[in-house]
Amino acid sequence: MEPTQLRILAVGRNAEIMTVMHRLLNAPDNWTGITVTADEAARAAFEKEAFDIVLICAGVSTEEEAVLTAYFKQHSPAVIVKRHYGGGSGLLKNEILYALENR
């Protein structure tokens, strides 16, 4: 079941990709997406707002992903942290909805 307002944080290193992600994540009426390109910005956003899902996007290394995931889970155990590999808007939406259904 989809929350009334889904809050999504996306962390990636490529500014152009994150600009597209921002547009895609904010397209549905009941989604609010924030995109960042630095770990510090991700932590700051996470401390400021509660997120349902965190997407780890292009350019974030496996080691960085592990550190971020540990941080997010420590501060909000129920948050979904998922690696996003790219694809079109339909794939992104289905990926997010699938993660919500299978949490």
Protein backbone atom coordinates (compact mmCIF):
# COMPACT_ATOMS: atom_id res chain seq x y z
CA MET A 1 0.00 0.00 0.00
CA GLU A 2 1.35 3.39 -1.00
CA PRO A 3 1.64 6.09 1.69
CA THR A 4 -0.37 9.28 1.27
CA GLN A 5 2.79 11.28 0.56
CA LEU A 6 5.82 9.23 -0.39
CA ARG A 7 9.11 10.88 0.57
CA ILE A 8 12.16 9.81 -1.41
CA LEU A 9 15.81 10.78 -1.02
CA ALA A 10 18.11 10.03 -3.95
CA VAL A 11 21.89 10.13 -3.56
CA GLY A 12 24.12 10.13 -6.63
CA ARG A 13 27.30 11.74 -7.87
CA ASN A 14 26.31 12.92 -11.35
CA ALA A 15 24.55 16.30 -11.18
CA GLU A 16 22.87 15.90 -14.58
CA ILE A 17 21.45 12.50 -13.68
CA MET A 18 20.27 13.80 -10.33
CA THR A 19 18.48 16.68 -12.08
CA VAL A 20 16.54 14.14 -14.12
CA MET A 21 15.91 12.05 -11.00
CA HIS A 22 14.55 15.12 -9.22
CA ARG A 23 12.06 15.71 -12.03
CA LEU A 24 10.99 12.05 -12.11
CA LEU A 25 10.65 11.72 -8.35
CA ASN A 26 8.49 14.82 -8.10
CA ALA A 27 6.25 14.03 -11.09
CA PRO A 28 3.62 11.95 -9.24
CA ASP A 29 1.30 14.10 -7.13
CA ASN A 30 1.85 12.01 -4.01
CA TRP A 31 5.66 11.83 -4.24
CA THR A 32 8.20 14.27 -2.86
CA GLY A 33 11.76 13.70 -3.99
CA ILE A 34 14.98 15.31 -2.86
CA THR A 35 18.20 14.66 -4.75
CA VAL A 36 21.73 15.25 -3.51
CA THR A 37 25.22 14.63 -4.84
CA ALA A 38 27.21 14.51 -1.59
CA ASP A 39 27.03 12.26 1.46
CA GLU A 40 27.01 15.26 3.80
CA ALA A 41 23.97 16.67 2.00
CA ALA A 42 22.27 13.26 2.22
CA ARG A 43 22.83 13.12 5.97
CA ALA A 44 21.63 16.70 6.41
CA ALA A 45 18.45 16.04 4.42
CA PHE A 46 17.84 12.82 6.36
CA GLU A 47 18.18 14.63 9.68
CA LYS A 48 15.81 17.36 8.54
CA GLU A 49 13.05 15.18 7.08
CA ALA A 50 11.71 11.64 7.39
CA PHE A 51 12.03 9.57 4.20
CA ASP A 52 10.27 6.38 3.19
CA ILE A 53 12.86 5.36 0.63
CA VAL A 54 16.48 6.24 -0.09
CA LEU A 55 17.75 5.51 -3.59
CA ILE A 56 21.49 5.05 -4.05
CA CYS A 57 22.23 6.17 -7.60
CA ALA A 58 25.06 6.38 -10.12
CA GLY A 59 28.55 7.11 -8.90
CA VAL A 60 28.13 6.02 -5.28
CA SER A 61 30.68 3.28 -4.57
CA THR A 62 29.83 0.05 -2.79
CA GLU A 63 31.78 1.24 0.24
CA GLU A 64 29.99 4.61 0.31
CA GLU A 65 26.67 2.82 -0.09
CA ALA A 66 27.42 0.61 2.92
CA VAL A 67 28.31 3.60 5.10
CA LEU A 68 25.22 5.54 4.01
CA THR A 69 22.94 2.54 4.46
CA ALA A 70 24.24 1.97 7.98
CA TYR A 71 23.68 5.64 8.81
CA PHE A 72 20.14 5.71 7.41
CA LYS A 73 19.14 2.43 9.08
CA GLN A 74 20.60 3.52 12.41
CA HIS A 75 18.52 6.69 12.37
CA SER A 76 15.38 5.19 10.82
CA PRO A 77 15.27 1.37 10.86
CA ALA A 78 12.10 1.24 8.75
CA VAL A 79 13.53 3.22 5.84
CA ILE A 80 13.99 1.34 2.57
CA VAL A 81 17.47 1.79 1.10
CA LYS A 82 17.76 0.57 -2.47
CA ARG A 83 20.37 0.75 -5.21
CA HIS A 84 18.90 2.38 -8.32
CA TYR A 85 20.64 1.38 -11.54
CA GLY A 86 18.82 3.69 -13.93
CA GLY A 87 16.21 3.18 -16.57
CA GLY A 88 13.14 5.06 -17.68
CA SER A 89 10.51 6.70 -15.54
CA GLY A 90 8.21 3.67 -15.74
CA LEU A 91 10.95 1.41 -14.45
CA LEU A 92 11.75 3.82 -11.61
CA LYS A 93 8.12 4.03 -10.53
CA ASN A 94 7.68 0.25 -10.63
CA GLU A 95 10.94 -0.25 -8.76
CA ILE A 96 9.76 2.07 -5.98
CA LEU A 97 6.28 0.57 -5.79
CA TYR A 98 7.76 -2.94 -5.68
CA ALA A 99 10.09 -1.95 -2.83
CA LEU A 100 7.14 -0.54 -0.88
CA GLU A 101 5.06 -3.68 -1.38
CA ASN A 102 7.91 -5.95 -0.30
CA ARG A 103 9.32 -4.08 2.68
